[in-house]
Amino acid sequence: MKLIFDTRFYPKARQYFISVALVLVVSIACFYTTSFIGYRVVALILLMTVSFIAMLFEIVPVLTAAILSAIIWNFFFIPPIYTFHIDNAEDLLMFLHYFVVALVNAVLTFKIKEAESKVRDREEKVNTIKLYNTLLNSLSHELRTPISTILGAVDTLKENKARLTSENQIELLSEIDTASLRLNEQVENLLNMSRLESGTLKPRMDWCDLNELVHHVANKFSLTDGHHIKVKVAESLPLLRLDGGLTEQILYNLILNALQHTPKNTAIEIEISHSLNSCKIEISDNGQGFTEDDALKAFDKFYRSPKARTGGSGLGLSIVKGFVEALNGTIKLESKSGSGTKFTIEIPAETTYINKLINE
């Protein structure tokens, strides 16, 4: 993530303009306060300005700012003002000292910034390598398992079809279906994470019936053994303008996460409400919940609790967070170990014009 003052990619012309502008603005401010602070203090203020510029820009604009500040200090501040002549030997020595210090300070500050940038880039590369190693280690199991299941079931069907009963064949086909869905989920997660990391994810806003969307997602899990999914939607929920595809993925991943990490015979509740300019989605369960440490790391990429069941790549919740932020929304996790978990999502969403008239 780029810092606010990360100006390494500014065009040179823009760097020159900002550098000169800063020196001029500071000089004008000092000019009208010279009678209070003295022209020697002005030298220190200009040096600080040059140091600040050196932390932002390339070396040539910085040196330009340093030379300009020295010229301005001489012409407008050192007596006699409005000339480049310096009568006092002490002031002449001070000016030469200022000129050298300004140049050295500019160069050293730039070099320090450059060294810090190299260290930061090196750390980012190391973290990226660690991330990909984690990814490969995770995928080596998560992708191999469903692939092995599919290949094994297909081989069995091909080699022993005549000896298999219809029940056996249906069971093998069911295993292929389950493994295929799991494989598809993993690939979808990887593609979604790739879109988030590359910044190519662009929401497509359109009018959406969130009531229908929530029930559509919940129905995908209607045959889940041992869990009860309850949907509660606010009365007179209007059409909302948001990205239906991303919202569906958010709901799907959160429900799937709840199913994977709660014991059988637990309830999963989905509650949808709205205000004039936003909608709220709450998904809660009465499972084991998160420990305090797990809750802090829940949205980290590839993080899986040591107590979690086998399966899963640790991408689901980080993708949810990325999708919510892509919609300019927020997500909050409330959980206590042994007392269930609640995810609260708030997404800015324009309501239909008719609903606005009713509210008015």
Protein backbone atom coordinates (compact mmCIF):
# COMPACT_ATOMS: atom_id res chain seq x y z
CA MET A 1 0.00 0.00 0.00
CA LYS A 2 1.36 3.39 -0.96
CA LEU A 3 1.97 6.05 1.63
CA ILE A 4 0.26 9.42 1.44
CA PHE A 5 3.57 11.13 0.61
CA ASP A 6 4.86 8.45 -1.74
CA THR A 7 5.80 10.79 -4.62
CA ARG A 8 8.32 8.56 -6.37
CA PHE A 9 6.09 8.34 -9.43
CA TYR A 10 5.36 12.07 -9.77
CA PRO A 11 6.42 13.56 -13.14
CA LYS A 12 9.59 15.66 -12.97
CA ALA A 13 7.73 18.85 -13.93
CA ARG A 14 5.34 18.35 -11.03
CA GLN A 15 8.23 17.76 -8.62
CA TYR A 16 9.91 21.00 -9.72
CA PHE A 17 6.66 22.95 -9.40
CA ILE A 18 5.86 21.68 -5.90
CA SER A 19 9.46 22.17 -4.68
CA VAL A 20 9.65 25.77 -5.92
CA ALA A 21 6.13 26.53 -4.68
CA LEU A 22 6.92 25.27 -1.17
CA VAL A 23 10.08 27.37 -0.95
CA LEU A 24 8.22 30.46 -2.19
CA VAL A 25 5.27 30.01 0.19
CA VAL A 26 7.55 29.53 3.20
CA SER A 27 9.69 32.50 2.14
CA ILE A 28 6.66 34.78 1.83
CA ALA A 29 5.41 33.72 5.26
CA CYS A 30 8.85 34.36 6.76
CA PHE A 31 9.17 37.73 5.00
CA TYR A 32 6.16 39.12 6.87
CA THR A 33 7.36 37.77 10.21
CA THR A 34 11.06 38.63 9.94
CA SER A 35 10.73 41.51 12.40
CA PHE A 36 9.63 38.99 15.03
CA ILE A 37 11.82 35.96 14.33
CA GLY A 38 14.93 37.49 12.73
CA TYR A 39 16.63 36.58 9.48
CA ARG A 40 18.86 33.95 11.14
CA VAL A 41 15.82 31.95 12.25
CA VAL A 42 14.51 32.22 8.67
CA ALA A 43 17.59 30.27 7.56
CA LEU A 44 16.64 27.38 9.87
CA ILE A 45 13.04 27.40 8.60
CA LEU A 46 14.21 27.31 4.98
CA LEU A 47 16.58 24.44 5.79
CA MET A 48 13.69 22.50 7.29
CA THR A 49 11.68 23.16 4.14
CA VAL A 50 14.48 21.83 1.94
CA SER A 51 14.75 18.73 4.18
CA PHE A 52 11.04 18.10 3.83
CA ILE A 53 11.26 18.42 0.04
CA ALA A 54 14.20 16.01 0.04
CA MET A 55 12.01 13.37 1.70
CA LEU A 56 9.52 13.62 -1.16
CA PHE A 57 11.27 14.13 -4.47
CA GLU A 58 14.22 13.21 -6.64
CA ILE A 59 17.64 14.79 -6.15
CA VAL A 60 17.59 17.42 -8.94
CA PRO A 61 14.36 19.16 -7.84
CA VAL A 62 15.68 19.05 -4.26
CA LEU A 63 18.97 20.72 -5.23
CA THR A 64 16.99 23.31 -7.17
CA ALA A 65 14.97 24.07 -4.04
CA ALA A 66 18.15 24.30 -1.94
CA ILE A 67 19.82 26.78 -4.34
CA LEU A 68 16.61 28.81 -4.66
CA SER A 69 16.23 29.03 -0.87
CA ALA A 70 19.82 30.30 -0.54
CA ILE A 71 19.24 32.99 -3.21
CA ILE A 72 15.98 34.10 -1.59
CA TRP A 73 17.53 34.24 1.88
CA ASN A 74 20.37 36.39 0.57
CA PHE A 75 18.20 38.78 -1.46
CA PHE A 76 15.22 39.26 0.84
CA PHE A 77 16.53 38.65 4.35
CA ILE A 78 20.28 39.31 4.79
CA PRO A 79 20.97 43.05 5.25
CA PRO A 80 21.09 45.01 3.08
CA ILE A 81 17.91 43.47 1.66
CA TYR A 82 16.91 43.52 -2.04
CA THR A 83 20.56 43.11 -3.05
CA PHE A 84 22.96 40.22 -3.34
CA HIS A 85 25.65 42.24 -1.57
CA ILE A 86 26.62 41.22 1.97
CA ASP A 87 28.45 43.86 4.01
CA ASN A 88 28.99 41.94 7.22
CA ALA A 89 31.74 39.29 7.16
CA GLU A 90 29.83 37.26 9.73
CA ASP A 91 26.72 37.29 7.52
CA LEU A 92 28.81 36.34 4.49
CA LEU A 93 30.27 33.39 6.37
CA MET A 94 26.78 32.42 7.54
CA PHE A 95 25.46 32.58 3.98
CA LEU A 96 28.26 30.36 2.66
CA HIS A 97 27.67 28.00 5.55
CA TYR A 98 23.93 27.95 4.80
CA PHE A 99 24.54 27.26 1.11
CA VAL A 100 26.81 24.28 1.85
CA VAL A 101 24.58 22.92 4.61
CA ALA A 102 21.48 23.22 2.40
CA LEU A 103 23.15 21.24 -0.41
CA VAL A 104 24.62 18.60 1.90
CA ASN A 105 21.38 18.32 3.84
CA ALA A 106 19.43 17.87 0.61
CA VAL A 107 21.76 15.16 -0.67
CA LEU A 108 21.96 13.27 2.65
CA THR A 109 18.21 13.38 3.22
CA PHE A 110 17.63 12.10 -0.31
CA LYS A 111 20.18 9.31 0.19
CA ILE A 112 18.55 8.28 3.46
CA LYS A 113 15.14 8.19 1.80
CA GLU A 114 16.58 6.16 -1.08
CA ALA A 115 18.14 3.65 1.33
CA GLU A 116 14.88 3.32 3.25
CA SER A 117 13.03 2.77 -0.01
CA LYS A 118 15.42 -0.04 -0.97
CA VAL A 119 14.97 -1.68 2.43
CA ARG A 120 11.19 -1.37 2.14
CA ASP A 121 11.21 -2.84 -1.39
CA ARG A 122 13.39 -5.70 -0.18
CA GLU A 123 11.00 -6.42 2.69
CA GLU A 124 8.04 -6.33 0.31
CA LYS A 125 9.76 -8.87 -1.94
CA VAL A 126 10.48 -11.14 1.04
CA ASN A 127 6.86 -10.87 2.18
CA THR A 128 5.65 -11.59 -1.34
CA ILE A 129 7.83 -14.72 -1.51
CA LYS A 130 6.49 -15.84 1.87
CA LEU A 131 2.96 -15.22 0.67
CA TYR A 132 3.44 -17.30 -2.47
CA ASN A 133 5.12 -20.06 -0.48
CA THR A 134 2.13 -20.12 1.84
CA LEU A 135 -0.15 -20.20 -1.17
CA LEU A 136 1.70 -23.09 -2.79
CA ASN A 137 1.79 -25.06 0.46
CA SER A 138 -1.93 -24.53 0.92
CA LEU A 139 -2.82 -25.39 -2.66
CA SER A 140 -0.64 -28.48 -2.69
CA HIS A 141 -3.21 -30.03 -0.36
CA GLU A 142 -6.41 -28.13 -1.09
CA LEU A 143 -6.28 -28.74 -4.86
CA ARG A 144 -4.72 -32.19 -4.77
CA THR A 145 -7.41 -33.65 -2.51
CA PRO A 146 -10.46 -32.99 -4.75
CA ILE A 147 -8.45 -33.79 -7.89
CA SER A 148 -7.40 -37.15 -6.41
CA THR A 149 -11.01 -37.86 -5.43
CA ILE A 150 -12.24 -37.13 -8.95
CA LEU A 151 -9.52 -39.19 -10.64
CA GLY A 152 -10.02 -42.11 -8.26
CA ALA A 153 -13.78 -42.15 -8.74
CA VAL A 154 -13.47 -41.89 -12.52
CA ASP A 155 -10.93 -44.74 -12.64
CA THR A 156 -13.22 -46.91 -10.53
CA LEU A 157 -16.17 -46.21 -12.82
CA LYS A 158 -14.13 -46.97 -15.93
CA GLU A 159 -12.48 -50.16 -14.72
CA ASN A 160 -15.27 -51.71 -12.64
CA LYS A 161 -18.43 -50.38 -14.22
CA ALA A 162 -19.84 -53.84 -14.92
CA ARG A 163 -19.35 -54.98 -11.31
CA LEU A 164 -20.67 -51.82 -9.66
CA THR A 165 -24.25 -51.62 -8.52
CA SER A 166 -26.33 -48.58 -9.40
CA GLU A 167 -26.04 -47.42 -5.79
CA ASN A 168 -22.23 -47.63 -5.98
CA GLN A 169 -22.20 -45.67 -9.21
CA ILE A 170 -24.46 -42.96 -7.75
CA GLU A 171 -22.18 -42.75 -4.69
CA LEU A 172 -19.07 -42.34 -6.86
CA LEU A 173 -20.80 -39.70 -9.01
CA SER A 174 -21.79 -37.88 -5.81
CA GLU A 175 -18.13 -37.90 -4.70
CA ILE A 176 -17.10 -36.46 -8.08
CA ASP A 177 -19.78 -33.78 -7.80
CA THR A 178 -18.71 -32.78 -4.26
CA ALA A 179 -15.01 -32.75 -5.16
CA SER A 180 -15.71 -30.73 -8.31
CA LEU A 181 -17.62 -28.11 -6.31
CA ARG A 182 -14.79 -27.90 -3.78
CA LEU A 183 -12.23 -27.56 -6.56
CA ASN A 184 -14.32 -24.86 -8.22
CA GLU A 185 -14.55 -22.94 -4.92
CA GLN A 186 -10.78 -22.99 -4.51
CA VAL A 187 -10.20 -21.77 -8.07
CA GLU A 188 -12.84 -19.04 -7.62
CA ASN A 189 -11.14 -17.91 -4.42
CA LEU A 190 -7.77 -17.71 -6.16
CA LEU A 191 -9.22 -15.74 -9.08
CA ASN A 192 -11.02 -13.37 -6.71
CA MET A 193 -7.88 -12.83 -4.63
CA SER A 194 -5.92 -12.17 -7.82
CA ARG A 195 -8.46 -9.52 -8.85
CA LEU A 196 -8.28 -7.87 -5.45
CA GLU A 197 -4.47 -7.89 -5.34
CA SER A 198 -4.13 -6.49 -8.87
CA GLY A 199 -6.70 -3.74 -8.29
CA THR A 200 -8.71 -4.74 -11.37
CA LEU A 201 -11.89 -5.35 -9.38
CA LYS A 202 -14.43 -2.70 -10.38
CA PRO A 203 -17.95 -2.83 -8.87
CA ARG A 204 -20.82 -2.83 -11.36
CA MET A 205 -23.63 -0.97 -9.67
CA ASP A 206 -27.21 -1.82 -10.63
CA TRP A 207 -30.63 -2.14 -9.01
CA CYS A 208 -30.84 -5.35 -7.01
CA ASP A 209 -33.58 -7.18 -5.10
CA LEU A 210 -31.55 -8.07 -2.01
CA ASN A 211 -34.41 -10.14 -0.57
CA GLU A 212 -34.38 -12.42 -3.61
CA LEU A 213 -30.57 -12.50 -3.67
CA VAL A 214 -30.27 -13.60 -0.03
CA HIS A 215 -32.84 -16.39 -0.43
CA HIS A 216 -31.11 -17.51 -3.64
CA VAL A 217 -27.78 -17.87 -1.82
CA ALA A 218 -29.39 -19.51 1.23
CA ASN A 219 -31.14 -22.07 -1.00
CA LYS A 220 -27.76 -23.23 -2.29
CA PHE A 221 -27.13 -24.59 1.21
CA SER A 222 -30.67 -25.84 1.84
CA LEU A 223 -29.58 -29.49 1.75
CA THR A 224 -26.74 -28.99 4.22
CA ASP A 225 -27.01 -31.69 6.88
CA GLY A 226 -27.29 -30.65 10.50
CA HIS A 227 -27.53 -26.86 10.05
CA HIS A 228 -30.52 -24.53 10.02
CA ILE A 229 -30.35 -21.35 7.94
CA LYS A 230 -32.85 -18.66 8.87
CA VAL A 231 -33.39 -15.53 6.80
CA LYS A 232 -34.96 -12.38 8.20
CA VAL A 233 -35.50 -9.47 5.82
CA ALA A 234 -36.89 -6.09 6.83
CA GLU A 235 -40.42 -5.41 5.63
CA SER A 236 -40.80 -3.28 2.50
CA LEU A 237 -37.14 -3.71 1.61
CA PRO A 238 -36.71 -1.54 -1.52
CA LEU A 239 -34.54 -2.20 -4.52
CA LEU A 240 -30.96 -1.23 -3.69
CA ARG A 241 -28.32 -0.01 -6.09
CA LEU A 242 -25.22 -2.14 -5.53
CA ASP A 243 -23.10 -4.83 -7.16
CA GLY A 244 -25.24 -7.95 -6.94
CA GLY A 245 -22.41 -10.28 -7.97
CA LEU A 246 -20.03 -9.11 -5.25
CA THR A 247 -22.80 -9.07 -2.65
CA GLU A 248 -23.70 -12.66 -3.55
CA GLN A 249 -20.06 -13.71 -3.14
CA ILE A 250 -19.90 -11.97 0.25
CA LEU A 251 -23.01 -13.81 1.47
CA TYR A 252 -21.86 -17.14 0.02
CA ASN A 253 -18.42 -17.01 1.63
CA LEU A 254 -19.76 -15.97 5.03
CA ILE A 255 -22.41 -18.70 5.08
CA LEU A 256 -19.89 -21.29 3.88
CA ASN A 257 -17.47 -20.15 6.59
CA ALA A 258 -20.19 -20.56 9.22
CA LEU A 259 -21.07 -24.04 7.95
CA GLN A 260 -17.43 -25.16 7.96
CA HIS A 261 -16.64 -23.88 11.44
CA THR A 262 -19.75 -24.65 13.45
CA PRO A 263 -20.87 -28.06 14.72
CA LYS A 264 -23.98 -29.79 13.45
CA ASN A 265 -27.42 -28.81 14.77
CA THR A 266 -26.43 -25.14 15.00
CA ALA A 267 -28.41 -22.26 13.54
CA ILE A 268 -27.15 -19.65 11.06
CA GLU A 269 -29.19 -16.46 10.96
CA ILE A 270 -29.11 -13.87 8.17
CA GLU A 271 -30.74 -10.52 8.83
CA ILE A 272 -31.08 -7.77 6.21
CA SER A 273 -32.08 -4.18 6.95
CA HIS A 274 -31.61 -0.81 5.31
CA SER A 275 -31.52 2.91 5.90
CA LEU A 276 -31.90 5.75 3.43
CA ASN A 277 -28.36 5.45 2.03
CA SER A 278 -27.06 2.03 3.08
CA CYS A 279 -27.94 -1.58 3.77
CA LYS A 280 -26.90 -3.75 6.68
CA ILE A 281 -26.24 -7.50 6.48
CA GLU A 282 -25.83 -9.48 9.70
CA ILE A 283 -24.82 -13.14 9.68
CA SER A 284 -24.59 -14.88 13.04
CA ASP A 285 -24.27 -18.41 14.38
CA ASN A 286 -24.30 -20.11 17.77
CA GLY A 287 -21.20 -22.18 17.22
CA GLN A 288 -17.89 -22.23 19.08
CA GLY A 289 -16.94 -18.70 18.06
CA PHE A 290 -13.45 -17.21 17.66
CA THR A 291 -10.81 -16.88 20.31
CA GLU A 292 -9.54 -13.34 20.85
CA ASP A 293 -6.34 -14.07 18.91
CA ASP A 294 -8.22 -15.73 16.02
CA ALA A 295 -10.66 -12.81 15.79
CA LEU A 296 -7.78 -10.36 15.31
CA LYS A 297 -6.35 -12.44 12.44
CA ALA A 298 -9.62 -13.67 10.91
CA PHE A 299 -9.39 -11.44 7.81
CA ASP A 300 -5.69 -12.11 7.12
CA LYS A 301 -4.90 -13.94 3.89
CA PHE A 302 -4.30 -17.69 4.33
CA TYR A 303 -4.86 -17.55 8.09
CA ARG A 304 -6.50 -20.65 9.52
CA SER A 305 -7.07 -21.22 13.19
CA PRO A 306 -5.08 -24.14 14.66
CA LYS A 307 -8.42 -25.48 15.95
CA ALA A 308 -10.13 -25.23 12.55
CA ARG A 309 -11.32 -28.33 10.75
CA THR A 310 -9.29 -29.66 7.87
CA GLY A 311 -10.06 -28.11 4.50
CA GLY A 312 -10.10 -24.55 3.33
CA SER A 313 -7.31 -22.27 2.17
CA GLY A 314 -7.84 -19.39 4.58
CA LEU A 315 -8.90 -17.04 1.78
CA GLY A 316 -12.65 -16.84 2.32
CA LEU A 317 -12.84 -14.09 4.95
CA SER A 318 -10.02 -12.03 3.42
CA ILE A 319 -11.91 -12.08 0.10
CA VAL A 320 -15.09 -11.03 1.90
CA LYS A 321 -13.26 -8.08 3.44
CA GLY A 322 -11.79 -7.14 0.06
CA PHE A 323 -15.20 -7.25 -1.64
CA VAL A 324 -16.83 -5.21 1.13
CA GLU A 325 -14.11 -2.55 0.87
CA ALA A 326 -14.45 -2.54 -2.93
CA LEU A 327 -18.09 -1.55 -2.33
CA ASN A 328 -16.90 1.20 0.08
CA GLY A 329 -18.45 -0.72 2.96
CA THR A 330 -17.28 -1.92 6.36
CA ILE A 331 -17.28 -5.34 8.02
CA LYS A 332 -17.15 -5.99 11.76
CA LEU A 333 -16.60 -9.25 13.60
CA GLU A 334 -18.04 -9.87 17.05
CA SER A 335 -17.26 -13.18 18.67
CA LYS A 336 -16.47 -14.87 21.94
CA SER A 337 -15.06 -18.34 22.26
CA GLY A 338 -17.92 -20.73 22.93
CA SER A 339 -20.74 -18.22 22.33
CA GLY A 340 -20.99 -17.85 18.55
CA THR A 341 -19.98 -15.31 15.94
CA LYS A 342 -21.64 -12.33 14.29
CA PHE A 343 -20.51 -10.56 11.12
CA THR A 344 -22.01 -7.11 10.50
CA ILE A 345 -21.62 -5.58 7.05
CA GLU A 346 -22.70 -2.08 6.10
CA ILE A 347 -22.62 -1.10 2.41
CA PRO A 348 -23.56 2.29 0.93
CA ALA A 349 -26.56 1.66 -1.32
CA GLU A 350 -28.94 4.05 -3.01
CA THR A 351 -32.61 3.11 -2.61
CA THR A 352 -35.32 3.36 -5.24
CA TYR A 353 -36.82 6.76 -5.94
CA ILE A 354 -40.31 5.56 -4.96
CA ASN A 355 -39.04 4.49 -1.53
CA LYS A 356 -37.48 7.93 -1.01
CA LEU A 357 -40.82 9.60 -1.75
CA ILE A 358 -42.54 7.35 0.78
CA ASN A 359 -39.97 8.24 3.45
CA GLU A 360 -40.43 11.91 2.74
